[in-house]
Amino acid sequence: TAQLVKSAKDKFSVEGGISLTSQRGIAGKTRDLD
């Protein structure tokens, strides 16, 4: 994370990263993803 702007009235930050996702669809295993 990085806070690029931090003043009395304005704040602006950015974030970057990697993720590991486990996803399950209601239709069954046809759309199950990792």
All heavy atoms as atom14 arrays in JSON, in Angstrom:
{
  "sequence": "TAQLVKSAKDKFSVEGGISLTSQRGIAGKTRDLD",
  "atom14_mask": [
    [1, 1, 1, 1, 1, 1, 1, 0, 0, 0, 0, 0, 0, 0],
    [1, 1, 1, 1, 1, 0, 0, 0, 0, 0, 0, 0, 0, 0],
    [1, 1, 1, 1, 1, 1, 1, 1, 1, 0, 0, 0, 0, 0],
    [1, 1, 1, 1, 1, 1, 1, 1, 0, 0, 0, 0, 0, 0],
    [1, 1, 1, 1, 1, 1, 1, 0, 0, 0, 0, 0, 0, 0],
    [1, 1, 1, 1, 1, 1, 1, 1, 1, 0, 0, 0, 0, 0],
    [1, 1, 1, 1, 1, 1, 0, 0, 0, 0, 0, 0, 0, 0],
    [1, 1, 1, 1, 1, 0, 0, 0, 0, 0, 0, 0, 0, 0],
    [1, 1, 1, 1, 1, 1, 1, 1, 1, 0, 0, 0, 0, 0],
    [1, 1, 1, 1, 1, 1, 1, 1, 0, 0, 0, 0, 0, 0],
    [1, 1, 1, 1, 1, 1, 1, 1, 1, 0, 0, 0, 0, 0],
    [1, 1, 1, 1, 1, 1, 1, 1, 1, 1, 1, 0, 0, 0],
    [1, 1, 1, 1, 1, 1, 0, 0, 0, 0, 0, 0, 0, 0],
    [1, 1, 1, 1, 1, 1, 1, 0, 0, 0, 0, 0, 0, 0],
    [1, 1, 1, 1, 1, 1, 1, 1, 1, 0, 0, 0, 0, 0],
    [1, 1, 1, 1, 0, 0, 0, 0, 0, 0, 0, 0, 0, 0],
    [1, 1, 1, 1, 0, 0, 0, 0, 0, 0, 0, 0, 0, 0],
    [1, 1, 1, 1, 1, 1, 1, 1, 0, 0, 0, 0, 0, 0],
    [1, 1, 1, 1, 1, 1, 0, 0, 0, 0, 0, 0, 0, 0],
    [1, 1, 1, 1, 1, 1, 1, 1, 0, 0, 0, 0, 0, 0],
    [1, 1, 1, 1, 1, 1, 1, 0, 0, 0, 0, 0, 0, 0],
    [1, 1, 1, 1, 1, 1, 0, 0, 0, 0, 0, 0, 0, 0],
    [1, 1, 1, 1, 1, 1, 1, 1, 1, 0, 0, 0, 0, 0],
    [1, 1, 1, 1, 1, 1, 1, 1, 1, 1, 1, 0, 0, 0],
    [1, 1, 1, 1, 0, 0, 0, 0, 0, 0, 0, 0, 0, 0],
    [1, 1, 1, 1, 1, 1, 1, 1, 0, 0, 0, 0, 0, 0],
    [1, 1, 1, 1, 1, 0, 0, 0, 0, 0, 0, 0, 0, 0],
    [1, 1, 1, 1, 0, 0, 0, 0, 0, 0, 0, 0, 0, 0],
    [1, 1, 1, 1, 1, 1, 1, 1, 1, 0, 0, 0, 0, 0],
    [1, 1, 1, 1, 1, 1, 1, 0, 0, 0, 0, 0, 0, 0],
    [1, 1, 1, 1, 1, 1, 1, 1, 1, 1, 1, 0, 0, 0],
    [1, 1, 1, 1, 1, 1, 1, 1, 0, 0, 0, 0, 0, 0],
    [1, 1, 1, 1, 1, 1, 1, 1, 0, 0, 0, 0, 0, 0],
    [1, 1, 1, 1, 1, 1, 1, 1, 0, 0, 0, 0, 0, 0]
  ],
  "atom14_positions": [
    [[0.84, -1.19, 0.0], [0.0, 0.0, 0.0], [0.89, 1.25, 0.0], [1.99, 1.24, 0.55], [-0.91, 0.05, 1.24], [-0.11, 0.19, 2.42], [-1.72, -1.23, 1.35], [0.0, 0.0, 0.0], [0.0, 0.0, 0.0], [0.0, 0.0, 0.0], [0.0, 0.0, 0.0], [0.0, 0.0, 0.0], [0.0, 0.0, 0.0], [0.0, 0.0, 0.0]],
    [[0.37, 2.31, -0.64], [1.1, 3.58, -0.68], [0.1, 4.73, -0.57], [-0.88, 4.77, -1.31], [1.91, 3.71, -1.96], [0.0, 0.0, 0.0], [0.0, 0.0, 0.0], [0.0, 0.0, 0.0], [0.0, 0.0, 0.0], [0.0, 0.0, 0.0], [0.0, 0.0, 0.0], [0.0, 0.0, 0.0], [0.0, 0.0, 0.0], [0.0, 0.0, 0.0]],
    [[0.34, 5.64, 0.36], [-0.48, 6.84, 0.54], [0.19, 7.97, -0.24], [1.22, 8.51, 0.16], [-0.58, 7.21, 2.01], [-1.54, 8.33, 2.31], [-2.95, 7.83, 2.58], [-3.12, 6.82, 3.23], [-3.94, 8.54, 2.08], [0.0, 0.0, 0.0], [0.0, 0.0, 0.0], [0.0, 0.0, 0.0], [0.0, 0.0, 0.0], [0.0, 0.0, 0.0]],
    [[-0.41, 8.3, -1.41], [0.2, 9.3, -2.28], [-0.17, 10.73, -1.89], [0.62, 11.65, -2.1], [-0.19, 9.03, -3.73], [0.18, 7.65, -4.28], [-0.2, 7.53, -5.74], [1.66, 7.36, -4.07], [0.0, 0.0, 0.0], [0.0, 0.0, 0.0], [0.0, 0.0, 0.0], [0.0, 0.0, 0.0], [0.0, 0.0, 0.0], [0.0, 0.0, 0.0]],
    [[-1.39, 10.91, -1.38], [-1.85, 12.24, -0.97], [-2.51, 12.1, 0.39], [-3.35, 11.23, 0.6], [-2.86, 12.84, -1.98], [-3.38, 14.18, -1.47], [-2.21, 12.99, -3.35], [0.0, 0.0, 0.0], [0.0, 0.0, 0.0], [0.0, 0.0, 0.0], [0.0, 0.0, 0.0], [0.0, 0.0, 0.0], [0.0, 0.0, 0.0], [0.0, 0.0, 0.0]],
    [[-2.12, 12.97, 1.31], [-2.76, 13.0, 2.63], [-2.72, 14.43, 3.16], [-1.73, 14.9, 3.71], [-2.05, 12.06, 3.61], [-2.78, 11.91, 4.93], [-2.11, 10.88, 5.83], [-2.89, 10.7, 7.12], [-2.25, 9.7, 8.02], [0.0, 0.0, 0.0], [0.0, 0.0, 0.0], [0.0, 0.0, 0.0], [0.0, 0.0, 0.0], [0.0, 0.0, 0.0]],
    [[-3.84, 15.13, 2.97], [-3.96, 16.5, 3.43], [-5.17, 16.62, 4.34], [-5.83, 15.62, 4.64], [-4.1, 17.45, 2.23], [-5.31, 17.22, 1.54], [0.0, 0.0, 0.0], [0.0, 0.0, 0.0], [0.0, 0.0, 0.0], [0.0, 0.0, 0.0], [0.0, 0.0, 0.0], [0.0, 0.0, 0.0], [0.0, 0.0, 0.0], [0.0, 0.0, 0.0]],
    [[-5.47, 17.82, 4.76], [-6.6, 18.02, 5.67], [-7.92, 17.61, 5.04], [-8.83, 17.13, 5.72], [-6.65, 19.48, 6.11], [0.0, 0.0, 0.0], [0.0, 0.0, 0.0], [0.0, 0.0, 0.0], [0.0, 0.0, 0.0], [0.0, 0.0, 0.0], [0.0, 0.0, 0.0], [0.0, 0.0, 0.0], [0.0, 0.0, 0.0], [0.0, 0.0, 0.0]],
    [[-8.04, 17.77, 3.72], [-9.32, 17.47, 3.05], [-9.27, 16.31, 2.07], [-10.29, 15.69, 1.79], [-9.82, 18.72, 2.32], [-10.31, 19.83, 3.24], [-11.01, 20.92, 2.45], [-11.63, 21.95, 3.37], [-12.36, 23.0, 2.61], [0.0, 0.0, 0.0], [0.0, 0.0, 0.0], [0.0, 0.0, 0.0], [0.0, 0.0, 0.0], [0.0, 0.0, 0.0]],
    [[-8.1, 16.0, 1.55], [-8.0, 14.99, 0.49], [-7.03, 13.88, 0.87], [-5.97, 14.13, 1.44], [-7.54, 15.64, -0.82], [-8.51, 16.67, -1.33], [-9.56, 16.28, -1.85], [-8.22, 17.88, -1.19], [0.0, 0.0, 0.0], [0.0, 0.0, 0.0], [0.0, 0.0, 0.0], [0.0, 0.0, 0.0], [0.0, 0.0, 0.0], [0.0, 0.0, 0.0]],
    [[-7.45, 12.66, 0.5], [-6.6, 11.49, 0.68], [-6.68, 10.63, -0.59], [-7.76, 10.43, -1.14], [-7.03, 10.66, 1.89], [-6.86, 11.38, 3.22], [-7.32, 10.51, 4.38], [-7.16, 11.22, 5.71], [-7.62, 10.38, 6.84], [0.0, 0.0, 0.0], [0.0, 0.0, 0.0], [0.0, 0.0, 0.0], [0.0, 0.0, 0.0], [0.0, 0.0, 0.0]],
    [[-5.52, 10.13, -1.02], [-5.48, 9.27, -2.2], [-4.43, 8.19, -1.97], [-3.28, 8.49, -1.65], [-5.15, 10.06, -3.46], [-5.05, 9.21, -4.7], [-6.18, 8.6, -5.22], [-3.83, 9.01, -5.32], [-6.1, 7.8, -6.36], [-3.74, 8.23, -6.45], [-4.88, 7.62, -6.98], [0.0, 0.0, 0.0], [0.0, 0.0, 0.0], [0.0, 0.0, 0.0]],
    [[-4.83, 6.93, -2.11], [-3.92, 5.8, -1.89], [-4.08, 4.78, -3.01], [-5.13, 4.71, -3.68], [-4.2, 5.14, -0.54], [-5.51, 4.6, -0.5], [0.0, 0.0, 0.0], [0.0, 0.0, 0.0], [0.0, 0.0, 0.0], [0.0, 0.0, 0.0], [0.0, 0.0, 0.0], [0.0, 0.0, 0.0], [0.0, 0.0, 0.0], [0.0, 0.0, 0.0]],
    [[-3.04, 4.0, -3.21], [-3.06, 2.92, -4.2], [-2.57, 1.65, -3.54], [-1.81, 1.68, -2.56], [-2.19, 3.25, -5.44], [-2.78, 4.42, -6.2], [-0.75, 3.54, -5.03], [0.0, 0.0, 0.0], [0.0, 0.0, 0.0], [0.0, 0.0, 0.0], [0.0, 0.0, 0.0], [0.0, 0.0, 0.0], [0.0, 0.0, 0.0], [0.0, 0.0, 0.0]],
    [[-3.01, 0.51, -4.08], [-2.62, -0.81, -3.56], [-2.37, -1.75, -4.72], [-2.98, -1.63, -5.79], [-3.7, -1.39, -2.66], [-4.02, -0.54, -1.45], [-5.12, -1.13, -0.58], [-5.76, -2.12, -1.01], [-5.34, -0.61, 0.53], [0.0, 0.0, 0.0], [0.0, 0.0, 0.0], [0.0, 0.0, 0.0], [0.0, 0.0, 0.0], [0.0, 0.0, 0.0]],
    [[-1.48, -2.7, -4.51], [-1.23, -3.73, -5.51], [-0.81, -5.02, -4.82], [-0.18, -4.98, -3.76], [0.0, 0.0, 0.0], [0.0, 0.0, 0.0], [0.0, 0.0, 0.0], [0.0, 0.0, 0.0], [0.0, 0.0, 0.0], [0.0, 0.0, 0.0], [0.0, 0.0, 0.0], [0.0, 0.0, 0.0], [0.0, 0.0, 0.0], [0.0, 0.0, 0.0]],
    [[-1.19, -6.16, -5.42], [-0.83, -7.42, -4.79], [-1.21, -8.61, -5.65], [-1.63, -8.48, -6.81], [0.0, 0.0, 0.0], [0.0, 0.0, 0.0], [0.0, 0.0, 0.0], [0.0, 0.0, 0.0], [0.0, 0.0, 0.0], [0.0, 0.0, 0.0], [0.0, 0.0, 0.0], [0.0, 0.0, 0.0], [0.0, 0.0, 0.0], [0.0, 0.0, 0.0]],
    [[-1.04, -9.79, -5.06], [-1.42, -11.04, -5.72], [-2.46, -11.75, -4.85], [-2.51, -11.54, -3.64], [-0.2, -11.96, -5.97], [0.51, -12.28, -4.66], [0.76, -11.31, -6.95], [1.62, -13.29, -4.82], [0.0, 0.0, 0.0], [0.0, 0.0, 0.0], [0.0, 0.0, 0.0], [0.0, 0.0, 0.0], [0.0, 0.0, 0.0], [0.0, 0.0, 0.0]],
    [[-3.27, -12.58, -5.48], [-4.35, -13.23, -4.75], [-4.49, -14.69, -5.2], [-4.14, -15.05, -6.33], [-5.68, -12.5, -4.98], [-6.06, -12.57, -6.34], [0.0, 0.0, 0.0], [0.0, 0.0, 0.0], [0.0, 0.0, 0.0], [0.0, 0.0, 0.0], [0.0, 0.0, 0.0], [0.0, 0.0, 0.0], [0.0, 0.0, 0.0], [0.0, 0.0, 0.0]],
    [[-5.01, -15.5, -4.3], [-5.36, -16.88, -4.59], [-6.85, -17.01, -4.33], [-7.31, -16.8, -3.2], [-4.57, -17.85, -3.72], [-4.81, -19.35, -3.97], [-4.41, -19.73, -5.4], [-4.04, -20.19, -2.96], [0.0, 0.0, 0.0], [0.0, 0.0, 0.0], [0.0, 0.0, 0.0], [0.0, 0.0, 0.0], [0.0, 0.0, 0.0], [0.0, 0.0, 0.0]],
    [[-7.62, -17.34, -5.37], [-9.07, -17.32, -5.3], [-9.64, -18.71, -5.48], [-9.2, -19.47, -6.36], [-9.66, -16.38, -6.38], [-9.14, -15.07, -6.18], [-11.18, -16.34, -6.31], [0.0, 0.0, 0.0], [0.0, 0.0, 0.0], [0.0, 0.0, 0.0], [0.0, 0.0, 0.0], [0.0, 0.0, 0.0], [0.0, 0.0, 0.0], [0.0, 0.0, 0.0]],
    [[-10.63, -19.04, -4.66], [-11.39, -20.29, -4.77], [-12.84, -19.91, -5.02], [-13.48, -19.3, -4.17], [-11.26, -21.12, -3.49], [-12.03, -22.29, -3.57], [0.0, 0.0, 0.0], [0.0, 0.0, 0.0], [0.0, 0.0, 0.0], [0.0, 0.0, 0.0], [0.0, 0.0, 0.0], [0.0, 0.0, 0.0], [0.0, 0.0, 0.0], [0.0, 0.0, 0.0]],
    [[-13.36, -20.26, -6.19], [-14.69, -19.82, -6.63], [-15.57, -21.03, -6.96], [-15.13, -21.95, -7.63], [-14.52, -18.93, -7.86], [-15.81, -18.41, -8.45], [-15.55, -17.44, -9.58], [-14.87, -16.42, -9.39], [-16.06, -17.74, -10.76], [0.0, 0.0, 0.0], [0.0, 0.0, 0.0], [0.0, 0.0, 0.0], [0.0, 0.0, 0.0], [0.0, 0.0, 0.0]],
    [[-16.8, -20.99, -6.46], [-17.77, -22.06, -6.71], [-19.05, -21.47, -7.26], [-19.64, -20.58, -6.66], [-18.06, -22.84, -5.41], [-16.82, -23.47, -4.77], [-16.27, -24.58, -5.66], [-15.08, -25.19, -5.09], [-13.84, -24.88, -5.44], [-13.64, -23.92, -6.35], [-12.8, -25.49, -4.9], [0.0, 0.0, 0.0], [0.0, 0.0, 0.0], [0.0, 0.0, 0.0]],
    [[-19.5, -21.99, -8.41], [-20.74, -21.53, -9.02], [-21.93, -22.36, -8.58], [-21.77, -23.5, -8.11], [0.0, 0.0, 0.0], [0.0, 0.0, 0.0], [0.0, 0.0, 0.0], [0.0, 0.0, 0.0], [0.0, 0.0, 0.0], [0.0, 0.0, 0.0], [0.0, 0.0, 0.0], [0.0, 0.0, 0.0], [0.0, 0.0, 0.0], [0.0, 0.0, 0.0]],
    [[-23.12, -21.81, -8.71], [-24.31, -22.53, -8.27], [-24.68, -23.65, -9.22], [-25.47, -24.54, -8.88], [-25.51, -21.58, -8.1], [-25.86, -20.94, -9.45], [-25.23, -20.52, -7.06], [-27.14, -20.13, -9.42], [0.0, 0.0, 0.0], [0.0, 0.0, 0.0], [0.0, 0.0, 0.0], [0.0, 0.0, 0.0], [0.0, 0.0, 0.0], [0.0, 0.0, 0.0]],
    [[-24.14, -23.63, -10.44], [-24.5, -24.65, -11.43], [-23.76, -25.96, -11.22], [-23.96, -26.9, -11.96], [-24.24, -24.12, -12.84], [0.0, 0.0, 0.0], [0.0, 0.0, 0.0], [0.0, 0.0, 0.0], [0.0, 0.0, 0.0], [0.0, 0.0, 0.0], [0.0, 0.0, 0.0], [0.0, 0.0, 0.0], [0.0, 0.0, 0.0], [0.0, 0.0, 0.0]],
    [[-22.89, -26.04, -10.23], [-22.14, -27.27, -10.0], [-20.69, -27.1, -10.35], [-20.16, -25.99, -10.37], [0.0, 0.0, 0.0], [0.0, 0.0, 0.0], [0.0, 0.0, 0.0], [0.0, 0.0, 0.0], [0.0, 0.0, 0.0], [0.0, 0.0, 0.0], [0.0, 0.0, 0.0], [0.0, 0.0, 0.0], [0.0, 0.0, 0.0], [0.0, 0.0, 0.0]],
    [[-20.02, -28.18, -10.67], [-18.57, -28.16, -10.86], [-18.14, -27.57, -12.21], [-16.95, -27.41, -12.44], [-18.01, -29.57, -10.73], [-18.18, -30.17, -9.33], [-17.56, -31.55, -9.25], [-17.71, -32.12, -7.85], [-17.11, -33.47, -7.73], [0.0, 0.0, 0.0], [0.0, 0.0, 0.0], [0.0, 0.0, 0.0], [0.0, 0.0, 0.0], [0.0, 0.0, 0.0]],
    [[-19.08, -27.26, -13.1], [-18.71, -26.73, -14.41], [-17.99, -25.39, -14.31], [-17.2, -25.05, -15.17], [-19.96, -26.57, -15.3], [-20.92, -25.75, -14.61], [-20.59, -27.92, -15.59], [0.0, 0.0, 0.0], [0.0, 0.0, 0.0], [0.0, 0.0, 0.0], [0.0, 0.0, 0.0], [0.0, 0.0, 0.0], [0.0, 0.0, 0.0], [0.0, 0.0, 0.0]],
    [[-18.27, -24.61, -13.26], [-17.63, -23.31, -13.13], [-16.86, -23.17, -11.82], [-16.61, -22.06, -11.37], [-18.66, -22.19, -13.24], [-19.16, -21.94, -14.66], [-18.1, -21.29, -15.51], [-17.86, -19.91, -15.07], [-16.74, -19.27, -15.21], [-15.7, -19.86, -15.73], [-16.61, -18.01, -14.82], [0.0, 0.0, 0.0], [0.0, 0.0, 0.0], [0.0, 0.0, 0.0]],
    [[-16.48, -24.28, -11.23], [-15.66, -24.23, -10.03], [-14.22, -23.91, -10.45], [-13.65, -24.58, -11.31], [-15.7, -25.56, -9.29], [-17.05, -25.8, -8.63], [-17.9, -24.89, -8.71], [-17.25, -26.88, -8.06], [0.0, 0.0, 0.0], [0.0, 0.0, 0.0], [0.0, 0.0, 0.0], [0.0, 0.0, 0.0], [0.0, 0.0, 0.0], [0.0, 0.0, 0.0]],
    [[-13.65, -22.86, -9.84], [-12.33, -22.41, -10.24], [-11.45, -22.16, -9.03], [-11.92, -21.71, -7.98], [-12.43, -21.1, -11.03], [-13.19, -21.11, -12.35], [-13.31, -19.69, -12.9], [-12.5, -22.01, -13.36], [0.0, 0.0, 0.0], [0.0, 0.0, 0.0], [0.0, 0.0, 0.0], [0.0, 0.0, 0.0], [0.0, 0.0, 0.0], [0.0, 0.0, 0.0]],
    [[-10.16, -22.48, -9.17], [-9.12, -22.1, -8.21], [-7.98, -21.51, -9.02], [-7.41, -22.22, -9.87], [-8.65, -23.32, -7.41], [-9.75, -23.91, -6.55], [-10.09, -23.32, -5.52], [-10.28, -24.98, -6.92], [0.0, 0.0, 0.0], [0.0, 0.0, 0.0], [0.0, 0.0, 0.0], [0.0, 0.0, 0.0], [0.0, 0.0, 0.0], [0.0, 0.0, 0.0]]
  ]
}
